Structure formats: C-alpha cells, structure tokens
Amino acid sequence: MTAKIKLNAASGGGSFSLQAPSSSANNRVFTLPDSADATLLTSSTATGKILQAVTTTKTDTFSSTSSSFTDLTGMSVSITPSSSSSKILVSFSLGCFQNGTAGSRAFLNIVRDSTNILIGDAATGHECTYAVCTRSANNNHIQIPVSGQVLDSPSTTSATTYKLQCSVGNDGGTMTLNRPNTADAQSGNAASSITVMEVAA
C-alpha cells in the first residue's frame, strides 16, 4: 500500500501531496525547521544558479610604468545580467604580476566600468585591491602569481565591463605581467584570465 497525504488550498487553488516511497525498504524522513519558516527549492528554482559565464584569456605580456591606475590591456570582460537582482562573481588569475625594480611595489584594482568594487580603507593615500612587493635586492627574475574573487551586485541589466587596472604608485619601476622584468632561457611565459559569472539571487 502506498501512503499519500494531500493538502488542498483553502481558497480553492492548487494542491500539495506528500507520498511515501513505493518500496518498503526505502524509508525517508522529512523534517521541518523549528526555529524559522522555510521555502522548499525545486529543480527549476533559479536561486544560486550560475546563469551565464564569460571569460577572457591573455597569453601575451604587458608592462607599465604608470604611477596612476591604468587598464591592464587584455584583462577585461563584459557581461549583460539577465536580472537587476543578480550578483556577478568576478574571478581572475594572473600568471605572474610584479614590479621589476628592486624593492618596488605593484598595485592592482578590480573595476566595474569605472568603479573600484573592492578597495582598502583610505589610510595611506594609495588604496587598492591587491599589492605585491618582494623587497628583494634584485627583482629582475621575480615572478609572482596573483588570483582573487569578488562577488559584486551591479543592480543592472545593461552591459557591464569588469577589468583589472595596475599601477606602480610612487615607487617607480616597471610592472610586468606574464613574464619577469628580465627574461632569460628559464623564464616562465605565463598566462592570465578573468571570468565573470551571473549568479541568480
């Protein structure tokens, strides 16, 4: 015998049924929370699902001596959210990112269009998302991989561009991507990528 409980809406709407497994060997327990209300998610529920993903890969090199933040060429990607309530998960991986001048720093920002979406508190006057410094006496062959993720809420259904920007600040020197400052036969010719994914709210 198959046990089944059917609940009908008081207003004459639809119904909801609970039915036990057909096999007596398959016993199941359904427990409701005792501390708060809850909503059952079904296989068609969109919440938390990845709705789309867009990625860009950069295999060539880049360098900059800019003391102000400038676009890191080739490390941008655009996405058009399907809903203004969606969140965008931004992930990036830099094969190597460093300042080739001894003791000097390289700074990195994650930007949505023209807005930095993750930045440190205003304390030193050079706030950023990431900072890299080896304080080595000789940085010529230094290669430092950098990666990160940020969950953003753009609140739009318009095309949105996410990109990376870099700077050497007031330290000077040359920031390099995907290669060391001075390449030789042992240099790692690296690759970098940036990926954005729309996450349903």
C-alpha atoms as a PDB file:
ATOM      1  CA  MET A   1       0.000   0.000   0.000  1.00  0.00           C
ATOM      2  CA  THR A   2       1.282   3.478  -0.837  1.00  0.00           C
ATOM      3  CA  ALA A   3       0.644   6.193   1.762  1.00  0.00           C
ATOM      4  CA  LYS A   4      -0.207   9.659   0.467  1.00  0.00           C
ATOM      5  CA  ILE A   5      -1.178  12.937   2.140  1.00  0.00           C
ATOM      6  CA  LYS A   6      -2.879  15.592   0.015  1.00  0.00           C
ATOM      7  CA  LEU A   7      -3.371  19.213   1.093  1.00  0.00           C
ATOM      8  CA  ASN A   8      -5.793  21.459  -0.780  1.00  0.00           C
ATOM      9  CA  ALA A   9      -5.636  25.260  -0.788  1.00  0.00           C
ATOM     10  CA  ALA A  10      -8.403  26.821   1.335  1.00  0.00           C
ATOM     11  CA  SER A  11      -9.261  29.279  -1.429  1.00  0.00           C
ATOM     12  CA  GLY A  12      -9.871  26.579  -3.985  1.00  0.00           C
ATOM     13  CA  GLY A  13      -6.408  26.825  -5.604  1.00  0.00           C
ATOM     14  CA  GLY A  14      -3.950  24.036  -6.238  1.00  0.00           C
ATOM     15  CA  SER A  15      -2.964  21.094  -4.043  1.00  0.00           C
ATOM     16  CA  PHE A  16       0.208  19.690  -2.500  1.00  0.00           C
ATOM     17  CA  SER A  17       0.849  15.973  -1.971  1.00  0.00           C
ATOM     18  CA  LEU A  18       3.288  14.026   0.164  1.00  0.00           C
ATOM     19  CA  GLN A  19       3.737  10.427  -0.925  1.00  0.00           C
ATOM     20  CA  ALA A  20       5.862   7.725   0.677  1.00  0.00           C
ATOM     21  CA  PRO A  21       8.346   5.686  -1.420  1.00  0.00           C
ATOM     22  CA  SER A  22       6.776   2.726  -3.175  1.00  0.00           C
ATOM     23  CA  SER A  23       9.308   0.276  -1.718  1.00  0.00           C
ATOM     24  CA  SER A  24       9.147  -0.601   1.979  1.00  0.00           C
ATOM     25  CA  ALA A  25      12.955  -0.734   2.016  1.00  0.00           C
ATOM     26  CA  ASN A  26      13.201   2.976   1.197  1.00  0.00           C
ATOM     27  CA  ASN A  27      12.269   4.825   4.379  1.00  0.00           C
ATOM     28  CA  ARG A  28      12.668   8.584   4.297  1.00  0.00           C
ATOM     29  CA  VAL A  29      12.360  11.313   6.934  1.00  0.00           C
ATOM     30  CA  PHE A  30      11.183  14.835   6.092  1.00  0.00           C
ATOM     31  CA  THR A  31      11.974  17.281   8.913  1.00  0.00           C
ATOM     32  CA  LEU A  32      10.651  20.842   9.100  1.00  0.00           C
ATOM     33  CA  PRO A  33      12.698  23.573  10.852  1.00  0.00           C
ATOM     34  CA  ASP A  34      11.530  24.517  14.354  1.00  0.00           C
ATOM     35  CA  SER A  35      13.258  27.907  14.523  1.00  0.00           C
ATOM     36  CA  ALA A  36      12.052  29.709  11.392  1.00  0.00           C
ATOM     37  CA  ASP A  37       9.919  29.446   8.287  1.00  0.00           C
ATOM     38  CA  ALA A  38      11.472  27.861   5.202  1.00  0.00           C
ATOM     39  CA  THR A  39      10.927  27.649   1.467  1.00  0.00           C
ATOM     40  CA  LEU A  40      11.403  24.415  -0.450  1.00  0.00           C
ATOM     41  CA  LEU A  41      13.539  24.750  -3.567  1.00  0.00           C
ATOM     42  CA  THR A  42      12.773  22.645  -6.614  1.00  0.00           C
ATOM     43  CA  SER A  43      14.857  21.553  -9.588  1.00  0.00           C
ATOM     44  CA  SER A  44      13.515  24.571 -11.507  1.00  0.00           C
ATOM     45  CA  THR A  45      14.393  27.129  -8.784  1.00  0.00           C
ATOM     46  CA  ALA A  46      16.916  29.625 -10.129  1.00  0.00           C
ATOM     47  CA  THR A  47      18.268  30.921  -6.790  1.00  0.00           C
ATOM     48  CA  GLY A  48      22.024  30.391  -6.544  1.00  0.00           C
ATOM     49  CA  LYS A  49      22.353  29.015 -10.074  1.00  0.00           C
ATOM     50  CA  ILE A  50      25.017  30.176 -12.500  1.00  0.00           C
ATOM     51  CA  LEU A  51      23.011  31.723 -15.335  1.00  0.00           C
ATOM     52  CA  GLN A  52      25.900  32.600 -17.649  1.00  0.00           C
ATOM     53  CA  ALA A  53      29.679  32.844 -17.683  1.00  0.00           C
ATOM     54  CA  VAL A  54      32.070  34.905 -19.803  1.00  0.00           C
ATOM     55  CA  THR A  55      35.854  34.651 -19.763  1.00  0.00           C
ATOM     56  CA  THR A  56      38.865  36.320 -21.358  1.00  0.00           C
ATOM     57  CA  THR A  57      42.360  34.858 -21.530  1.00  0.00           C
ATOM     58  CA  LYS A  58      45.597  36.789 -22.027  1.00  0.00           C
ATOM     59  CA  THR A  59      48.679  34.849 -23.131  1.00  0.00           C
ATOM     60  CA  ASP A  60      50.871  37.739 -24.262  1.00  0.00           C
ATOM     61  CA  THR A  61      52.791  40.081 -21.955  1.00  0.00           C
ATOM     62  CA  PHE A  62      52.108  43.557 -20.618  1.00  0.00           C
ATOM     63  CA  SER A  63      54.181  46.204 -18.869  1.00  0.00           C
ATOM     64  CA  SER A  64      53.528  49.636 -17.413  1.00  0.00           C
ATOM     65  CA  THR A  65      55.418  52.411 -15.641  1.00  0.00           C
ATOM     66  CA  SER A  66      52.288  54.405 -14.764  1.00  0.00           C
ATOM     67  CA  SER A  67      52.092  55.880 -11.256  1.00  0.00           C
ATOM     68  CA  SER A  68      48.284  56.127 -11.556  1.00  0.00           C
ATOM     69  CA  PHE A  69      45.932  53.225 -12.184  1.00  0.00           C
ATOM     70  CA  THR A  70      45.695  52.289 -15.839  1.00  0.00           C
ATOM     71  CA  ASP A  71      43.859  49.486 -17.645  1.00  0.00           C
ATOM     72  CA  LEU A  72      45.744  46.223 -17.796  1.00  0.00           C
ATOM     73  CA  THR A  73      45.387  45.603 -21.541  1.00  0.00           C
ATOM     74  CA  GLY A  74      43.550  42.402 -22.420  1.00  0.00           C
ATOM     75  CA  MET A  75      42.211  41.787 -18.911  1.00  0.00           C
ATOM     76  CA  SER A  76      38.617  42.959 -19.288  1.00  0.00           C
ATOM     77  CA  VAL A  77      35.355  41.116 -19.876  1.00  0.00           C
ATOM     78  CA  SER A  78      31.757  42.262 -20.447  1.00  0.00           C
ATOM     79  CA  ILE A  79      28.527  40.647 -19.280  1.00  0.00           C
ATOM     80  CA  THR A  80      24.861  41.629 -19.571  1.00  0.00           C
ATOM     81  CA  PRO A  81      22.948  40.453 -16.477  1.00  0.00           C
ATOM     82  CA  SER A  82      19.528  38.923 -17.155  1.00  0.00           C
ATOM     83  CA  SER A  83      18.129  40.412 -13.938  1.00  0.00           C
ATOM     84  CA  SER A  84      18.939  43.510 -11.897  1.00  0.00           C
ATOM     85  CA  SER A  85      18.847  41.369  -8.739  1.00  0.00           C
ATOM     86  CA  SER A  86      21.600  39.028  -9.969  1.00  0.00           C
ATOM     87  CA  LYS A  87      25.065  39.054  -8.468  1.00  0.00           C
ATOM     88  CA  ILE A  88      28.254  38.820 -10.542  1.00  0.00           C
ATOM     89  CA  LEU A  89      31.121  36.626  -9.357  1.00  0.00           C
ATOM     90  CA  VAL A  90      34.405  38.035 -10.674  1.00  0.00           C
ATOM     91  CA  SER A  91      37.395  35.682 -10.683  1.00  0.00           C
ATOM     92  CA  PHE A  92      40.855  36.374 -12.053  1.00  0.00           C
ATOM     93  CA  SER A  93      44.190  34.626 -12.228  1.00  0.00           C
ATOM     94  CA  LEU A  94      47.448  36.331 -13.171  1.00  0.00           C
ATOM     95  CA  GLY A  95      50.256  34.016 -14.214  1.00  0.00           C
ATOM     96  CA  CYS A  96      52.747  36.478 -12.739  1.00  0.00           C
ATOM     97  CA  PHE A  97      52.440  40.118 -11.714  1.00  0.00           C
ATOM     98  CA  GLN A  98      55.268  42.133 -10.178  1.00  0.00           C
ATOM     99  CA  ASN A  99      57.402  45.281 -10.226  1.00  0.00           C
ATOM    100  CA  GLY A 100      60.785  44.517 -11.734  1.00  0.00           C
ATOM    101  CA  THR A 101      62.606  47.279  -9.851  1.00  0.00           C
ATOM    102  CA  ALA A 102      64.317  46.203  -6.624  1.00  0.00           C
ATOM    103  CA  GLY A 103      62.180  46.858  -3.546  1.00  0.00           C
ATOM    104  CA  SER A 104      59.329  48.429  -5.512  1.00  0.00           C
ATOM    105  CA  ARG A 105      55.625  47.602  -5.444  1.00  0.00           C
ATOM    106  CA  ALA A 106      52.916  46.763  -7.972  1.00  0.00           C
ATOM    107  CA  PHE A 107      49.263  47.591  -7.264  1.00  0.00           C
ATOM    108  CA  LEU A 108      46.094  46.049  -8.727  1.00  0.00           C
ATOM    109  CA  ASN A 109      42.427  47.079  -8.787  1.00  0.00           C
ATOM    110  CA  ILE A 110      39.240  45.240  -9.790  1.00  0.00           C
ATOM    111  CA  VAL A 111      36.932  47.691 -11.543  1.00  0.00           C
ATOM    112  CA  ARG A 112      33.320  47.619 -12.745  1.00  0.00           C
ATOM    113  CA  ASP A 113      33.164  50.099 -15.647  1.00  0.00           C
ATOM    114  CA  SER A 114      34.850  52.999 -13.788  1.00  0.00           C
ATOM    115  CA  THR A 115      34.115  51.951 -10.188  1.00  0.00           C
ATOM    116  CA  ASN A 116      36.569  50.049  -7.992  1.00  0.00           C
ATOM    117  CA  ILE A 117      34.448  47.307  -6.400  1.00  0.00           C
ATOM    118  CA  LEU A 118      36.926  46.268  -3.682  1.00  0.00           C
ATOM    119  CA  ILE A 119      39.329  48.736  -2.120  1.00  0.00           C
ATOM    120  CA  GLY A 120      41.171  49.209   1.157  1.00  0.00           C
ATOM    121  CA  ASP A 121      40.404  51.976   3.645  1.00  0.00           C
ATOM    122  CA  ALA A 122      41.766  55.449   2.964  1.00  0.00           C
ATOM    123  CA  ALA A 123      44.854  55.410   5.170  1.00  0.00           C
ATOM    124  CA  THR A 124      47.980  55.902   3.085  1.00  0.00           C
ATOM    125  CA  GLY A 125      46.638  57.704   0.038  1.00  0.00           C
ATOM    126  CA  HIS A 126      47.270  54.754  -2.301  1.00  0.00           C
ATOM    127  CA  GLU A 127      44.317  52.426  -1.719  1.00  0.00           C
ATOM    128  CA  CYS A 128      43.932  49.361  -3.939  1.00  0.00           C
ATOM    129  CA  THR A 129      42.527  45.848  -4.178  1.00  0.00           C
ATOM    130  CA  TYR A 130      45.878  44.000  -4.140  1.00  0.00           C
ATOM    131  CA  ALA A 131      49.506  44.992  -3.552  1.00  0.00           C
ATOM    132  CA  VAL A 132      52.623  42.975  -4.405  1.00  0.00           C
ATOM    133  CA  CYS A 133      56.125  43.682  -3.092  1.00  0.00           C
ATOM    134  CA  THR A 134      59.110  41.346  -2.693  1.00  0.00           C
ATOM    135  CA  ARG A 135      61.543  43.868  -1.151  1.00  0.00           C
ATOM    136  CA  SER A 136      64.236  41.907  -2.925  1.00  0.00           C
ATOM    137  CA  ALA A 137      67.610  43.422  -3.717  1.00  0.00           C
ATOM    138  CA  ASN A 138      67.224  42.195  -7.286  1.00  0.00           C
ATOM    139  CA  ASN A 139      63.762  41.747  -8.788  1.00  0.00           C
ATOM    140  CA  ASN A 140      64.845  41.023 -12.359  1.00  0.00           C
ATOM    141  CA  HIS A 141      63.724  37.382 -12.335  1.00  0.00           C
ATOM    142  CA  ILE A 142      60.909  37.583  -9.749  1.00  0.00           C
ATOM    143  CA  GLN A 143      57.579  36.041 -10.905  1.00  0.00           C
ATOM    144  CA  ILE A 144      54.586  36.207  -8.535  1.00  0.00           C
ATOM    145  CA  PRO A 145      51.181  34.665  -9.363  1.00  0.00           C
ATOM    146  CA  VAL A 146      48.131  36.577  -8.120  1.00  0.00           C
ATOM    147  CA  SER A 147      44.480  35.475  -8.060  1.00  0.00           C
ATOM    148  CA  GLY A 148      41.258  36.584  -6.423  1.00  0.00           C
ATOM    149  CA  GLN A 149      37.464  36.662  -6.391  1.00  0.00           C
ATOM    150  CA  VAL A 150      34.858  39.329  -5.687  1.00  0.00           C
ATOM    151  CA  LEU A 151      31.057  38.941  -5.533  1.00  0.00           C
ATOM    152  CA  ASP A 152      29.530  42.125  -6.943  1.00  0.00           C
ATOM    153  CA  SER A 153      25.961  43.485  -7.115  1.00  0.00           C
ATOM    154  CA  PRO A 154      25.784  45.738 -10.204  1.00  0.00           C
ATOM    155  CA  SER A 155      21.971  46.150  -9.974  1.00  0.00           C
ATOM    156  CA  THR A 156      21.555  46.495 -13.725  1.00  0.00           C
ATOM    157  CA  THR A 157      20.531  44.628 -16.879  1.00  0.00           C
ATOM    158  CA  SER A 158      22.822  46.727 -19.073  1.00  0.00           C
ATOM    159  CA  ALA A 159      26.130  45.529 -20.479  1.00  0.00           C
ATOM    160  CA  THR A 160      28.745  45.801 -17.731  1.00  0.00           C
ATOM    161  CA  THR A 161      32.516  45.612 -18.085  1.00  0.00           C
ATOM    162  CA  TYR A 162      34.803  44.224 -15.405  1.00  0.00           C
ATOM    163  CA  LYS A 163      38.521  44.853 -15.746  1.00  0.00           C
ATOM    164  CA  LEU A 164      41.845  44.964 -13.944  1.00  0.00           C
ATOM    165  CA  GLN A 165      43.900  48.124 -13.505  1.00  0.00           C
ATOM    166  CA  CYS A 166      47.513  48.389 -12.381  1.00  0.00           C
ATOM    167  CA  SER A 167      49.949  50.967 -11.030  1.00  0.00           C
ATOM    168  CA  VAL A 168      53.484  51.208  -9.645  1.00  0.00           C
ATOM    169  CA  GLY A 169      52.464  54.077  -7.365  1.00  0.00           C
ATOM    170  CA  ASN A 170      55.214  56.411  -6.246  1.00  0.00           C
ATOM    171  CA  ASP A 171      57.807  53.629  -6.181  1.00  0.00           C
ATOM    172  CA  GLY A 172      58.513  53.903  -9.899  1.00  0.00           C
ATOM    173  CA  GLY A 173      59.913  50.986 -11.835  1.00  0.00           C
ATOM    174  CA  THR A 174      58.166  48.729 -14.332  1.00  0.00           C
ATOM    175  CA  MET A 175      55.227  46.440 -13.643  1.00  0.00           C
ATOM    176  CA  THR A 176      55.191  43.313 -15.810  1.00  0.00           C
ATOM    177  CA  LEU A 177      52.511  40.690 -16.458  1.00  0.00           C
ATOM    178  CA  ASN A 178      53.020  37.110 -17.693  1.00  0.00           C
ATOM    179  CA  ARG A 179      56.816  37.440 -17.689  1.00  0.00           C
ATOM    180  CA  PRO A 180      59.641  38.586 -15.396  1.00  0.00           C
ATOM    181  CA  ASN A 181      61.208  42.020 -15.801  1.00  0.00           C
ATOM    182  CA  THR A 182      64.250  40.433 -17.408  1.00  0.00           C
ATOM    183  CA  ALA A 183      63.521  37.325 -19.458  1.00  0.00           C
ATOM    184  CA  ASP A 184      66.018  34.530 -19.958  1.00  0.00           C
ATOM    185  CA  ALA A 185      66.009  30.906 -21.062  1.00  0.00           C
ATOM    186  CA  GLN A 186      64.466  29.835 -17.747  1.00  0.00           C
ATOM    187  CA  SER A 187      61.670  32.426 -17.679  1.00  0.00           C
ATOM    188  CA  GLY A 188      58.101  31.279 -17.220  1.00  0.00           C
ATOM    189  CA  ASN A 189      55.949  32.622 -20.055  1.00  0.00           C
ATOM    190  CA  ALA A 190      52.677  32.654 -18.110  1.00  0.00           C
ATOM    191  CA  ALA A 191      49.004  33.153 -18.982  1.00  0.00           C
ATOM    192  CA  SER A 192      46.266  35.145 -17.234  1.00  0.00           C
ATOM    193  CA  SER A 193      42.476  35.147 -17.312  1.00  0.00           C
ATOM    194  CA  ILE A 194      39.424  36.953 -15.961  1.00  0.00           C
ATOM    195  CA  THR A 195      35.990  35.303 -15.671  1.00  0.00           C
ATOM    196  CA  VAL A 196      32.599  36.717 -14.695  1.00  0.00           C
ATOM    197  CA  MET A 197      29.563  34.591 -13.782  1.00  0.00           C
ATOM    198  CA  GLU A 198      25.996  35.739 -13.248  1.00  0.00           C
ATOM    199  CA  VAL A 199      24.548  34.215 -10.077  1.00  0.00           C
ATOM    200  CA  ALA A 200      20.756  34.202  -9.653  1.00  0.00           C
ATOM    201  CA  ALA A 201      19.577  35.944  -6.473  1.00  0.00           C
END
